[in-house]
Amino acid sequence: MVCCILQDKYERELMLHAADVEALSALKRQMEGFHGQLHDSDERCRAAQHKLTELEVLWSGQCLCSLHVFICMVLMLYKGTY
């Protein structure tokens, strides 16, 4: 009789352990998915930052070029050669 009780307890603990192992495996798979999404988002963020830097440099160059042209036109007007 004690043997049957112990056997039942053992089987119950084994089933609970198996359920815990399955839940842990599911959480690990979910975490791997989140890690992949985070990596993809990080890559997109880096690409966007790189593009923003390129555009800022381009815009800065255009502004300087436009400013240079404006200054030259003002000087030409001042000198009367425009």
PDB file of N, CA and C in Angstrom:
ATOM      1  N   MET A   1       0.814  -1.191   0.000  1.00  0.00           N
ATOM      2  CA  MET A   1       0.000   0.000   0.000  1.00  0.00           C
ATOM      3  C   MET A   1       0.867   1.268   0.000  1.00  0.00           C
ATOM      4  N   VAL A   2       1.856   1.321   0.875  1.00  0.00           N
ATOM      5  CA  VAL A   2       2.776   2.460   0.903  1.00  0.00           C
ATOM      6  C   VAL A   2       3.502   2.547  -0.435  1.00  0.00           C
ATOM      7  N   CYS A   3       3.805   1.400  -0.976  1.00  0.00           N
ATOM      8  CA  CYS A   3       4.490   1.353  -2.270  1.00  0.00           C
ATOM      9  C   CYS A   3       3.626   1.987  -3.365  1.00  0.00           C
ATOM     10  N   CYS A   4       2.318   1.739  -3.358  1.00  0.00           N
ATOM     11  CA  CYS A   4       1.405   2.316  -4.355  1.00  0.00           C
ATOM     12  C   CYS A   4       1.315   3.831  -4.196  1.00  0.00           C
ATOM     13  N   ILE A   5       1.273   4.295  -2.953  1.00  0.00           N
ATOM     14  CA  ILE A   5       1.207   5.735  -2.694  1.00  0.00           C
ATOM     15  C   ILE A   5       2.479   6.417  -3.205  1.00  0.00           C
ATOM     16  N   LEU A   6       3.614   5.801  -2.894  1.00  0.00           N
ATOM     17  CA  LEU A   6       4.885   6.360  -3.351  1.00  0.00           C
ATOM     18  C   LEU A   6       4.987   6.337  -4.878  1.00  0.00           C
ATOM     19  N   GLN A   7       4.499   5.261  -5.482  1.00  0.00           N
ATOM     20  CA  GLN A   7       4.502   5.156  -6.944  1.00  0.00           C
ATOM     21  C   GLN A   7       3.630   6.259  -7.559  1.00  0.00           C
ATOM     22  N   ASP A   8       2.451   6.479  -6.980  1.00  0.00           N
ATOM     23  CA  ASP A   8       1.558   7.533  -7.481  1.00  0.00           C
ATOM     24  C   ASP A   8       2.193   8.916  -7.339  1.00  0.00           C
ATOM     25  N   LYS A   9       2.833   9.158  -6.204  1.00  0.00           N
ATOM     26  CA  LYS A   9       3.495  10.439  -5.997  1.00  0.00           C
ATOM     27  C   LYS A   9       4.628  10.636  -7.005  1.00  0.00           C
ATOM     28  N   TYR A  10       5.376   9.581  -7.217  1.00  0.00           N
ATOM     29  CA  TYR A  10       6.492   9.648  -8.167  1.00  0.00           C
ATOM     30  C   TYR A  10       5.978   9.953  -9.581  1.00  0.00           C
ATOM     31  N   GLU A  11       4.924   9.256  -9.981  1.00  0.00           N
ATOM     32  CA  GLU A  11       4.367   9.470 -11.324  1.00  0.00           C
ATOM     33  C   GLU A  11       3.818  10.890 -11.461  1.00  0.00           C
ATOM     34  N   ARG A  12       3.197  11.366 -10.402  1.00  0.00           N
ATOM     35  CA  ARG A  12       2.662  12.731 -10.430  1.00  0.00           C
ATOM     36  C   ARG A  12       3.788  13.756 -10.555  1.00  0.00           C
ATOM     37  N   GLU A  13       4.841  13.596  -9.772  1.00  0.00           N
ATOM     38  CA  GLU A  13       5.993  14.497  -9.831  1.00  0.00           C
ATOM     39  C   GLU A  13       6.663  14.428 -11.205  1.00  0.00           C
ATOM     40  N   LEU A  14       6.736  13.241 -11.759  1.00  0.00           N
ATOM     41  CA  LEU A  14       7.333  13.065 -13.081  1.00  0.00           C
ATOM     42  C   LEU A  14       6.514  13.794 -14.145  1.00  0.00           C
ATOM     43  N   MET A  15       5.196  13.704 -14.050  1.00  0.00           N
ATOM     44  CA  MET A  15       4.326  14.392 -14.996  1.00  0.00           C
ATOM     45  C   MET A  15       4.451  15.913 -14.840  1.00  0.00           C
ATOM     46  N   LEU A  16       4.515  16.386 -13.599  1.00  0.00           N
ATOM     47  CA  LEU A  16       4.679  17.819 -13.361  1.00  0.00           C
ATOM     48  C   LEU A  16       6.021  18.306 -13.914  1.00  0.00           C
ATOM     49  N   HIS A  17       7.045  17.502 -13.709  1.00  0.00           N
ATOM     50  CA  HIS A  17       8.371  17.853 -14.210  1.00  0.00           C
ATOM     51  C   HIS A  17       8.359  17.916 -15.750  1.00  0.00           C
ATOM     52  N   ALA A  18       7.722  16.956 -16.375  1.00  0.00           N
ATOM     53  CA  ALA A  18       7.622  16.938 -17.841  1.00  0.00           C
ATOM     54  C   ALA A  18       6.881  18.179 -18.341  1.00  0.00           C
ATOM     55  N   ALA A  19       5.830  18.564 -17.645  1.00  0.00           N
ATOM     56  CA  ALA A  19       5.085  19.768 -18.028  1.00  0.00           C
ATOM     57  C   ALA A  19       5.961  21.012 -17.870  1.00  0.00           C
ATOM     58  N   ASP A  20       6.755  21.048 -16.797  1.00  0.00           N
ATOM     59  CA  ASP A  20       7.660  22.178 -16.584  1.00  0.00           C
ATOM     60  C   ASP A  20       8.730  22.240 -17.673  1.00  0.00           C
ATOM     61  N   VAL A  21       9.253  21.088 -18.040  1.00  0.00           N
ATOM     62  CA  VAL A  21      10.265  21.044 -19.099  1.00  0.00           C
ATOM     63  C   VAL A  21       9.660  21.525 -20.423  1.00  0.00           C
ATOM     64  N   GLU A  22       8.450  21.122 -20.726  1.00  0.00           N
ATOM     65  CA  GLU A  22       7.783  21.561 -21.954  1.00  0.00           C
ATOM     66  C   GLU A  22       7.525  23.068 -21.925  1.00  0.00           C
ATOM     67  N   ALA A  23       7.088  23.593 -20.784  1.00  0.00           N
ATOM     68  CA  ALA A  23       6.853  25.030 -20.659  1.00  0.00           C
ATOM     69  C   ALA A  23       8.168  25.798 -20.820  1.00  0.00           C
ATOM     70  N   LEU A  24       9.236  25.284 -20.238  1.00  0.00           N
ATOM     71  CA  LEU A  24      10.544  25.921 -20.361  1.00  0.00           C
ATOM     72  C   LEU A  24      11.007  25.917 -21.821  1.00  0.00           C
ATOM     73  N   SER A  25      10.795  24.822 -22.509  1.00  0.00           N
ATOM     74  CA  SER A  25      11.162  24.744 -23.930  1.00  0.00           C
ATOM     75  C   SER A  25      10.371  25.759 -24.758  1.00  0.00           C
ATOM     76  N   ALA A  26       9.095  25.888 -24.466  1.00  0.00           N
ATOM     77  CA  ALA A  26       8.266  26.857 -25.185  1.00  0.00           C
ATOM     78  C   ALA A  26       8.756  28.281 -24.921  1.00  0.00           C
ATOM     79  N   LEU A  27       9.115  28.573 -23.675  1.00  0.00           N
ATOM     80  CA  LEU A  27       9.631  29.903 -23.344  1.00  0.00           C
ATOM     81  C   LEU A  27      10.959  30.174 -24.038  1.00  0.00           C
ATOM     82  N   LYS A  28      11.807  29.154 -24.142  1.00  0.00           N
ATOM     83  CA  LYS A  28      13.082  29.315 -24.838  1.00  0.00           C
ATOM     84  C   LYS A  28      12.853  29.618 -26.316  1.00  0.00           C
ATOM     85  N   ARG A  29      11.909  28.906 -26.944  1.00  0.00           N
ATOM     86  CA  ARG A  29      11.601  29.176 -28.350  1.00  0.00           C
ATOM     87  C   ARG A  29      11.058  30.592 -28.524  1.00  0.00           C
ATOM     88  N   GLN A  30      10.208  31.011 -27.609  1.00  0.00           N
ATOM     89  CA  GLN A  30       9.650  32.364 -27.660  1.00  0.00           C
ATOM     90  C   GLN A  30      10.758  33.401 -27.486  1.00  0.00           C
ATOM     91  N   MET A  31      11.677  33.152 -26.566  1.00  0.00           N
ATOM     92  CA  MET A  31      12.787  34.066 -26.329  1.00  0.00           C
ATOM     93  C   MET A  31      13.685  34.154 -27.567  1.00  0.00           C
ATOM     94  N   GLU A  32      13.921  33.034 -28.230  1.00  0.00           N
ATOM     95  CA  GLU A  32      14.713  33.053 -29.458  1.00  0.00           C
ATOM     96  C   GLU A  32      14.029  33.888 -30.534  1.00  0.00           C
ATOM     97  N   GLY A  33      12.704  33.780 -30.611  1.00  0.00           N
ATOM     98  CA  GLY A  33      11.958  34.603 -31.560  1.00  0.00           C
ATOM     99  C   GLY A  33      12.079  36.081 -31.239  1.00  0.00           C
ATOM    100  N   PHE A  34      11.966  36.420 -29.961  1.00  0.00           N
ATOM    101  CA  PHE A  34      12.112  37.813 -29.548  1.00  0.00           C
ATOM    102  C   PHE A  34      13.530  38.319 -29.830  1.00  0.00           C
ATOM    103  N   HIS A  35      14.512  37.457 -29.602  1.00  0.00           N
ATOM    104  CA  HIS A  35      15.899  37.834 -29.854  1.00  0.00           C
ATOM    105  C   HIS A  35      16.090  38.120 -31.347  1.00  0.00           C
ATOM    106  N   GLY A  36      15.498  37.299 -32.193  1.00  0.00           N
ATOM    107  CA  GLY A  36      15.575  37.528 -33.635  1.00  0.00           C
ATOM    108  C   GLY A  36      14.917  38.831 -34.032  1.00  0.00           C
ATOM    109  N   GLN A  37      13.759  39.114 -33.457  1.00  0.00           N
ATOM    110  CA  GLN A  37      13.065  40.373 -33.751  1.00  0.00           C
ATOM    111  C   GLN A  37      13.887  41.565 -33.278  1.00  0.00           C
ATOM    112  N   LEU A  38      14.500  41.436 -32.106  1.00  0.00           N
ATOM    113  CA  LEU A  38      15.330  42.512 -31.578  1.00  0.00           C
ATOM    114  C   LEU A  38      16.525  42.751 -32.489  1.00  0.00           C
ATOM    115  N   HIS A  39      17.146  41.670 -32.962  1.00  0.00           N
ATOM    116  CA  HIS A  39      18.293  41.788 -33.863  1.00  0.00           C
ATOM    117  C   HIS A  39      17.877  42.492 -35.159  1.00  0.00           C
ATOM    118  N   ASP A  40      16.744  42.088 -35.724  1.00  0.00           N
ATOM    119  CA  ASP A  40      16.248  42.721 -36.953  1.00  0.00           C
ATOM    120  C   ASP A  40      15.960  44.202 -36.728  1.00  0.00           C
ATOM    121  N   SER A  41      15.327  44.521 -35.621  1.00  0.00           N
ATOM    122  CA  SER A  41      15.021  45.920 -35.307  1.00  0.00           C
ATOM    123  C   SER A  41      16.300  46.724 -35.124  1.00  0.00           C
ATOM    124  N   ASP A  42      17.281  46.119 -34.478  1.00  0.00           N
ATOM    125  CA  ASP A  42      18.562  46.785 -34.263  1.00  0.00           C
ATOM    126  C   ASP A  42      19.242  47.070 -35.599  1.00  0.00           C
ATOM    127  N   GLU A  43      19.205  46.104 -36.515  1.00  0.00           N
ATOM    128  CA  GLU A  43      19.805  46.297 -37.836  1.00  0.00           C
ATOM    129  C   GLU A  43      19.082  47.413 -38.606  1.00  0.00           C
ATOM    130  N   ARG A  44      17.749  47.424 -38.536  1.00  0.00           N
ATOM    131  CA  ARG A  44      16.987  48.481 -39.216  1.00  0.00           C
ATOM    132  C   ARG A  44      17.300  49.853 -38.609  1.00  0.00           C
ATOM    133  N   CYS A  45      17.464  49.891 -37.305  1.00  0.00           N
ATOM    134  CA  CYS A  45      17.799  51.143 -36.614  1.00  0.00           C
ATOM    135  C   CYS A  45      19.173  51.636 -37.059  1.00  0.00           C
ATOM    136  N   ARG A  46      20.152  50.742 -37.129  1.00  0.00           N
ATOM    137  CA  ARG A  46      21.489  51.133 -37.584  1.00  0.00           C
ATOM    138  C   ARG A  46      21.454  51.651 -39.018  1.00  0.00           C
ATOM    139  N   ALA A  47      20.699  50.964 -39.877  1.00  0.00           N
ATOM    140  CA  ALA A  47      20.588  51.394 -41.274  1.00  0.00           C
ATOM    141  C   ALA A  47      19.939  52.772 -41.360  1.00  0.00           C
ATOM    142  N   ALA A  48      18.912  53.003 -40.562  1.00  0.00           N
ATOM    143  CA  ALA A  48      18.237  54.302 -40.562  1.00  0.00           C
ATOM    144  C   ALA A  48      19.165  55.401 -40.045  1.00  0.00           C
ATOM    145  N   GLN A  49      19.940  55.093 -39.006  1.00  0.00           N
ATOM    146  CA  GLN A  49      20.880  56.086 -38.478  1.00  0.00           C
ATOM    147  C   GLN A  49      21.952  56.413 -39.514  1.00  0.00           C
ATOM    148  N   HIS A  50      22.425  55.385 -40.221  1.00  0.00           N
ATOM    149  CA  HIS A  50      23.432  55.595 -41.261  1.00  0.00           C
ATOM    150  C   HIS A  50      22.862  56.480 -42.377  1.00  0.00           C
ATOM    151  N   LYS A  51      21.649  56.179 -42.803  1.00  0.00           N
ATOM    152  CA  LYS A  51      21.001  56.968 -43.853  1.00  0.00           C
ATOM    153  C   LYS A  51      20.786  58.411 -43.390  1.00  0.00           C
ATOM    154  N   LEU A  52      20.363  58.584 -42.137  1.00  0.00           N
ATOM    155  CA  LEU A  52      20.171  59.923 -41.589  1.00  0.00           C
ATOM    156  C   LEU A  52      21.478  60.702 -41.608  1.00  0.00           C
ATOM    157  N   THR A  53      22.565  60.059 -41.222  1.00  0.00           N
ATOM    158  CA  THR A  53      23.866  60.721 -41.240  1.00  0.00           C
ATOM    159  C   THR A  53      24.242  61.126 -42.663  1.00  0.00           C
ATOM    160  N   GLU A  54      24.017  60.224 -43.621  1.00  0.00           N
ATOM    161  CA  GLU A  54      24.300  60.548 -45.018  1.00  0.00           C
ATOM    162  C   GLU A  54      23.475  61.753 -45.480  1.00  0.00           C
ATOM    163  N   LEU A  55      22.196  61.757 -45.134  1.00  0.00           N
ATOM    164  CA  LEU A  55      21.325  62.856 -45.540  1.00  0.00           C
ATOM    165  C   LEU A  55      21.716  64.165 -44.862  1.00  0.00           C
ATOM    166  N   GLU A  56      22.130  64.095 -43.598  1.00  0.00           N
ATOM    167  CA  GLU A  56      22.566  65.298 -42.895  1.00  0.00           C
ATOM    168  C   GLU A  56      23.812  65.876 -43.561  1.00  0.00           C
ATOM    169  N   VAL A  57      24.743  65.019 -43.949  1.00  0.00           N
ATOM    170  CA  VAL A  57      25.955  65.484 -44.628  1.00  0.00           C
ATOM    171  C   VAL A  57      25.587  66.094 -45.975  1.00  0.00           C
ATOM    172  N   LEU A  58      24.717  65.416 -46.709  1.00  0.00           N
ATOM    173  CA  LEU A  58      24.283  65.928 -48.008  1.00  0.00           C
ATOM    174  C   LEU A  58      23.578  67.274 -47.852  1.00  0.00           C
ATOM    175  N   TRP A  59      22.661  67.350 -46.901  1.00  0.00           N
ATOM    176  CA  TRP A  59      21.915  68.585 -46.671  1.00  0.00           C
ATOM    177  C   TRP A  59      22.853  69.713 -46.254  1.00  0.00           C
ATOM    178  N   SER A  60      23.794  69.390 -45.377  1.00  0.00           N
ATOM    179  CA  SER A  60      24.758  70.384 -44.915  1.00  0.00           C
ATOM    180  C   SER A  60      25.577  70.904 -46.097  1.00  0.00           C
ATOM    181  N   GLY A  61      26.002  70.012 -46.958  1.00  0.00           N
ATOM    182  CA  GLY A  61      26.767  70.412 -48.141  1.00  0.00           C
ATOM    183  C   GLY A  61      25.943  71.273 -49.071  1.00  0.00           C
ATOM    184  N   GLN A  62      24.693  70.939 -49.255  1.00  0.00           N
ATOM    185  CA  GLN A  62      23.828  71.726 -50.127  1.00  0.00           C
ATOM    186  C   GLN A  62      23.585  73.111 -49.538  1.00  0.00           C
ATOM    187  N   CYS A  63      23.406  73.158 -48.241  1.00  0.00           N
ATOM    188  CA  CYS A  63      23.186  74.454 -47.593  1.00  0.00           C
ATOM    189  C   CYS A  63      24.424  75.325 -47.736  1.00  0.00           C
ATOM    190  N   LEU A  64      25.594  74.718 -47.536  1.00  0.00           N
ATOM    191  CA  LEU A  64      26.829  75.488 -47.673  1.00  0.00           C
ATOM    192  C   LEU A  64      27.009  75.952 -49.106  1.00  0.00           C
ATOM    193  N   CYS A  65      26.695  75.080 -50.055  1.00  0.00           N
ATOM    194  CA  CYS A  65      26.808  75.434 -51.464  1.00  0.00           C
ATOM    195  C   CYS A  65      25.831  76.567 -51.787  1.00  0.00           C
ATOM    196  N   SER A  66      24.594  76.459 -51.328  1.00  0.00           N
ATOM    197  CA  SER A  66      23.601  77.500 -51.561  1.00  0.00           C
ATOM    198  C   SER A  66      24.025  78.806 -50.907  1.00  0.00           C
ATOM    199  N   LEU A  67      24.588  78.718 -49.728  1.00  0.00           N
ATOM    200  CA  LEU A  67      25.061  79.915 -49.039  1.00  0.00           C
ATOM    201  C   LEU A  67      26.205  80.545 -49.822  1.00  0.00           C
ATOM    202  N   HIS A  68      27.099  79.731 -50.337  1.00  0.00           N
ATOM    203  CA  HIS A  68      28.225  80.222 -51.130  1.00  0.00           C
ATOM    204  C   HIS A  68      27.710  80.941 -52.377  1.00  0.00           C
ATOM    205  N   VAL A  69      26.763  80.332 -53.066  1.00  0.00           N
ATOM    206  CA  VAL A  69      26.186  80.951 -54.263  1.00  0.00           C
ATOM    207  C   VAL A  69      25.529  82.285 -53.898  1.00  0.00           C
ATOM    208  N   PHE A  70      24.786  82.293 -52.791  1.00  0.00           N
ATOM    209  CA  PHE A  70      24.123  83.525 -52.351  1.00  0.00           C
ATOM    210  C   PHE A  70      25.145  84.624 -52.071  1.00  0.00           C
ATOM    211  N   ILE A  71      26.207  84.277 -51.371  1.00  0.00           N
ATOM    212  CA  ILE A  71      27.244  85.262 -51.033  1.00  0.00           C
ATOM    213  C   ILE A  71      27.900  85.778 -52.309  1.00  0.00           C
ATOM    214  N   CYS A  72      28.183  84.872 -53.239  1.00  0.00           N
ATOM    215  CA  CYS A  72      28.783  85.303 -54.505  1.00  0.00           C
ATOM    216  C   CYS A  72      27.853  86.252 -55.257  1.00  0.00           C
ATOM    217  N   MET A  73      26.566  85.952 -55.268  1.00  0.00           N
ATOM    218  CA  MET A  73      25.611  86.829 -55.952  1.00  0.00           C
ATOM    219  C   MET A  73      25.553  88.200 -55.281  1.00  0.00           C
ATOM    220  N   VAL A  74      25.558  88.214 -53.961  1.00  0.00           N
ATOM    221  CA  VAL A  74      25.538  89.490 -53.236  1.00  0.00           C
ATOM    222  C   VAL A  74      26.792  90.286 -53.555  1.00  0.00           C
ATOM    223  N   LEU A  75      27.936  89.633 -53.568  1.00  0.00           N
ATOM    224  CA  LEU A  75      29.190  90.324 -53.876  1.00  0.00           C
ATOM    225  C   LEU A  75      29.184  90.852 -55.309  1.00  0.00           C
ATOM    226  N   MET A  76      28.639  90.032 -56.208  1.00  0.00           N
ATOM    227  CA  MET A  76      28.573  90.463 -57.604  1.00  0.00           C
ATOM    228  C   MET A  76      27.637  91.673 -57.736  1.00  0.00           C
ATOM    229  N   LEU A  77      26.527  91.650 -57.021  1.00  0.00           N
ATOM    230  CA  LEU A  77      25.616  92.790 -57.044  1.00  0.00           C
ATOM    231  C   LEU A  77      26.285  94.029 -56.451  1.00  0.00           C
ATOM    232  N   TYR A  78      27.013  93.815 -55.385  1.00  0.00           N
ATOM    233  CA  TYR A  78      27.707  94.910 -54.706  1.00  0.00           C
ATOM    234  C   TYR A  78      28.745  95.525 -55.641  1.00  0.00           C
ATOM    235  N   LYS A  79      29.458  94.675 -56.378  1.00  0.00           N
ATOM    236  CA  LYS A  79      30.499  95.154 -57.289  1.00  0.00           C
ATOM    237  C   LYS A  79      29.906  95.652 -58.604  1.00  0.00           C
ATOM    238  N   GLY A  80      28.648  95.317 -58.855  1.00  0.00           N
ATOM    239  CA  GLY A  80      27.997  95.749 -60.064  1.00  0.00           C
ATOM    240  C   GLY A  80      28.284  94.862 -61.252  1.00  0.00           C
ATOM    241  N   THR A  81      28.748  93.663 -61.025  1.00  0.00           N
ATOM    242  CA  THR A  81      29.073  92.747 -62.136  1.00  0.00           C
ATOM    243  C   THR A  81      27.982  91.731 -62.401  1.00  0.00           C
ATOM    244  N   TYR A  82      26.917  91.834 -61.704  1.00  0.00           N
ATOM    245  CA  TYR A  82      25.816  90.863 -61.890  1.00  0.00           C
ATOM    246  C   TYR A  82      24.719  91.475 -62.669  1.00  0.00           C
TER     247      TYR A  82
END
